[in-house]
Every structure is written in C-alpha cells, then in structure tokens.
Amino acid sequence: MLNIEYRPFKKGNQYIMLQWFNGYAEGLIDYDQCVNMLRLGIAIRPSFYRFF
C-alpha cells in the first residue's frame, strides 16, 4: 500500500489523499483474489495526533 497526501491549506487538518493498494484480503468475501485499487479521497486528521 502506498499513500500520498497533500495539504492544500497551511492552517488546517484537511488532506487530499491518493492511495494505491495491491494485495490480498481487503475483505473476507474476496480473500483469495489479488486486487489493484487506486483511491482518491479527503482525509481529516485531529490536530492533537502527531504520529500520523
């Protein structure tokens, strides 16, 4: 899995996130199938978490 994040505003906790997943077992329904997924989304992080 690979995550790329971009913060469009300097004073904020909103991020635009691009995620690539390649592998098995993302869900129990298709646990034996290898999948490639590309996701684009918005992530909102609490400002008190520094380890993200």
N, C-alpha and C. Protein backbone atom coordinates (compact mmCIF):
# COMPACT_ATOMS: atom_id res chain seq x y z
N MET A 1 0.84 -1.16 0.00
CA MET A 1 0.00 0.00 0.00
C MET A 1 0.89 1.23 0.00
N LEU A 2 0.47 2.23 -0.74
CA LEU A 2 1.20 3.48 -0.85
C LEU A 2 0.22 4.63 -0.67
N ASN A 3 0.54 5.55 0.23
CA ASN A 3 -0.30 6.73 0.47
C ASN A 3 0.49 7.98 0.11
N ILE A 4 -0.17 8.88 -0.60
CA ILE A 4 0.38 10.20 -0.90
C ILE A 4 -0.65 11.21 -0.43
N GLU A 5 -0.20 12.17 0.37
CA GLU A 5 -1.11 13.16 0.92
C GLU A 5 -0.62 14.56 0.59
N TYR A 6 -1.58 15.46 0.38
CA TYR A 6 -1.28 16.84 0.08
C TYR A 6 -2.20 17.72 0.93
N ARG A 7 -1.61 18.67 1.64
CA ARG A 7 -2.39 19.59 2.46
C ARG A 7 -2.54 20.90 1.69
N PRO A 8 -3.74 21.20 1.18
CA PRO A 8 -3.90 22.41 0.36
C PRO A 8 -3.83 23.71 1.15
N PHE A 9 -4.15 23.68 2.42
CA PHE A 9 -4.12 24.87 3.26
C PHE A 9 -3.10 24.68 4.38
N LYS A 10 -2.30 25.68 4.65
CA LYS A 10 -1.26 25.56 5.67
C LYS A 10 -1.83 25.42 7.07
N LYS A 11 -2.91 26.13 7.37
CA LYS A 11 -3.52 26.06 8.70
C LYS A 11 -4.80 25.24 8.61
N GLY A 12 -4.65 23.97 8.64
CA GLY A 12 -5.81 23.10 8.58
C GLY A 12 -5.41 21.65 8.76
N ASN A 13 -6.39 20.83 8.98
CA ASN A 13 -6.10 19.41 9.14
C ASN A 13 -6.77 18.58 8.04
N GLN A 14 -7.10 19.21 6.92
CA GLN A 14 -7.68 18.51 5.79
C GLN A 14 -6.58 18.17 4.79
N TYR A 15 -6.65 16.96 4.27
CA TYR A 15 -5.66 16.48 3.31
C TYR A 15 -6.38 15.87 2.11
N ILE A 16 -5.81 16.02 0.94
CA ILE A 16 -6.25 15.27 -0.23
C ILE A 16 -5.33 14.06 -0.31
N MET A 17 -5.93 12.89 -0.38
CA MET A 17 -5.17 11.66 -0.27
C MET A 17 -5.34 10.80 -1.52
N LEU A 18 -4.24 10.26 -2.00
CA LEU A 18 -4.23 9.29 -3.08
C LEU A 18 -3.62 8.01 -2.52
N GLN A 19 -4.32 6.89 -2.68
CA GLN A 19 -3.86 5.63 -2.09
C GLN A 19 -3.89 4.54 -3.15
N TRP A 20 -2.80 3.78 -3.20
CA TRP A 20 -2.72 2.64 -4.09
C TRP A 20 -2.59 1.38 -3.24
N PHE A 21 -3.42 0.38 -3.52
CA PHE A 21 -3.41 -0.88 -2.79
C PHE A 21 -3.23 -2.02 -3.78
N ASN A 22 -2.31 -2.90 -3.47
CA ASN A 22 -2.08 -4.10 -4.28
C ASN A 22 -1.89 -5.26 -3.32
N GLY A 23 -2.80 -6.23 -3.37
CA GLY A 23 -2.63 -7.36 -2.47
C GLY A 23 -3.89 -8.18 -2.30
N TYR A 24 -3.89 -8.97 -1.26
CA TYR A 24 -4.98 -9.88 -0.93
C TYR A 24 -5.68 -9.42 0.34
N ALA A 25 -6.86 -9.97 0.57
CA ALA A 25 -7.58 -9.92 1.84
C ALA A 25 -7.94 -8.52 2.31
N GLU A 26 -8.47 -7.70 1.43
CA GLU A 26 -9.04 -6.45 1.90
C GLU A 26 -10.42 -6.70 2.50
N GLY A 27 -11.08 -7.74 2.09
CA GLY A 27 -12.36 -8.13 2.67
C GLY A 27 -12.46 -9.65 2.71
N LEU A 28 -13.37 -10.17 3.50
CA LEU A 28 -13.49 -11.62 3.62
C LEU A 28 -14.18 -12.25 2.42
N ILE A 29 -14.94 -11.48 1.67
CA ILE A 29 -15.65 -12.04 0.52
C ILE A 29 -14.67 -12.45 -0.58
N ASP A 30 -13.68 -11.64 -0.84
CA ASP A 30 -12.72 -11.95 -1.90
C ASP A 30 -11.30 -12.12 -1.34
N TYR A 31 -11.17 -12.93 -0.32
CA TYR A 31 -9.89 -13.08 0.37
C TYR A 31 -8.83 -13.77 -0.48
N ASP A 32 -9.24 -14.52 -1.50
CA ASP A 32 -8.28 -15.28 -2.29
C ASP A 32 -8.02 -14.67 -3.67
N GLN A 33 -8.42 -13.42 -3.88
CA GLN A 33 -8.20 -12.76 -5.16
C GLN A 33 -7.24 -11.59 -4.97
N CYS A 34 -6.28 -11.49 -5.85
CA CYS A 34 -5.34 -10.37 -5.82
C CYS A 34 -5.98 -9.18 -6.54
N VAL A 35 -5.95 -8.02 -5.89
CA VAL A 35 -6.61 -6.84 -6.47
C VAL A 35 -5.63 -5.66 -6.49
N ASN A 36 -5.86 -4.75 -7.44
CA ASN A 36 -5.18 -3.47 -7.52
C ASN A 36 -6.25 -2.39 -7.42
N MET A 37 -6.07 -1.44 -6.51
CA MET A 37 -7.04 -0.36 -6.33
C MET A 37 -6.31 0.96 -6.25
N LEU A 38 -6.91 1.97 -6.83
CA LEU A 38 -6.44 3.34 -6.74
C LEU A 38 -7.59 4.16 -6.17
N ARG A 39 -7.34 4.84 -5.05
CA ARG A 39 -8.38 5.59 -4.36
C ARG A 39 -7.96 7.05 -4.23
N LEU A 40 -8.95 7.92 -4.33
CA LEU A 40 -8.75 9.34 -4.15
C LEU A 40 -9.79 9.81 -3.15
N GLY A 41 -9.36 10.58 -2.15
CA GLY A 41 -10.31 11.00 -1.14
C GLY A 41 -9.80 12.16 -0.31
N ILE A 42 -10.61 12.50 0.67
CA ILE A 42 -10.30 13.58 1.61
C ILE A 42 -10.12 12.96 2.98
N ALA A 43 -9.03 13.31 3.64
CA ALA A 43 -8.75 12.82 5.00
C ALA A 43 -8.76 14.01 5.95
N ILE A 44 -9.42 13.83 7.08
CA ILE A 44 -9.44 14.86 8.13
C ILE A 44 -8.81 14.24 9.36
N ARG A 45 -7.73 14.83 9.81
CA ARG A 45 -7.00 14.31 10.96
C ARG A 45 -7.17 15.23 12.16
N PRO A 46 -7.27 14.66 13.33
CA PRO A 46 -7.26 15.51 14.53
C PRO A 46 -5.89 16.17 14.70
N SER A 47 -5.89 17.41 15.13
CA SER A 47 -4.62 18.14 15.23
C SER A 47 -3.77 17.67 16.40
N PHE A 48 -4.34 16.96 17.37
CA PHE A 48 -3.55 16.51 18.52
C PHE A 48 -2.82 15.20 18.25
N TYR A 49 -3.04 14.54 17.11
CA TYR A 49 -2.29 13.34 16.76
C TYR A 49 -1.07 13.75 15.94
N ARG A 50 0.10 13.52 16.44
CA ARG A 50 1.33 13.90 15.75
C ARG A 50 1.98 12.72 15.04
N PHE A 51 1.54 11.50 15.30
CA PHE A 51 2.20 10.33 14.72
C PHE A 51 1.59 9.90 13.40
N PHE A 52 0.62 10.60 12.84
CA PHE A 52 0.05 10.27 11.55
C PHE A 52 0.93 10.71 10.44
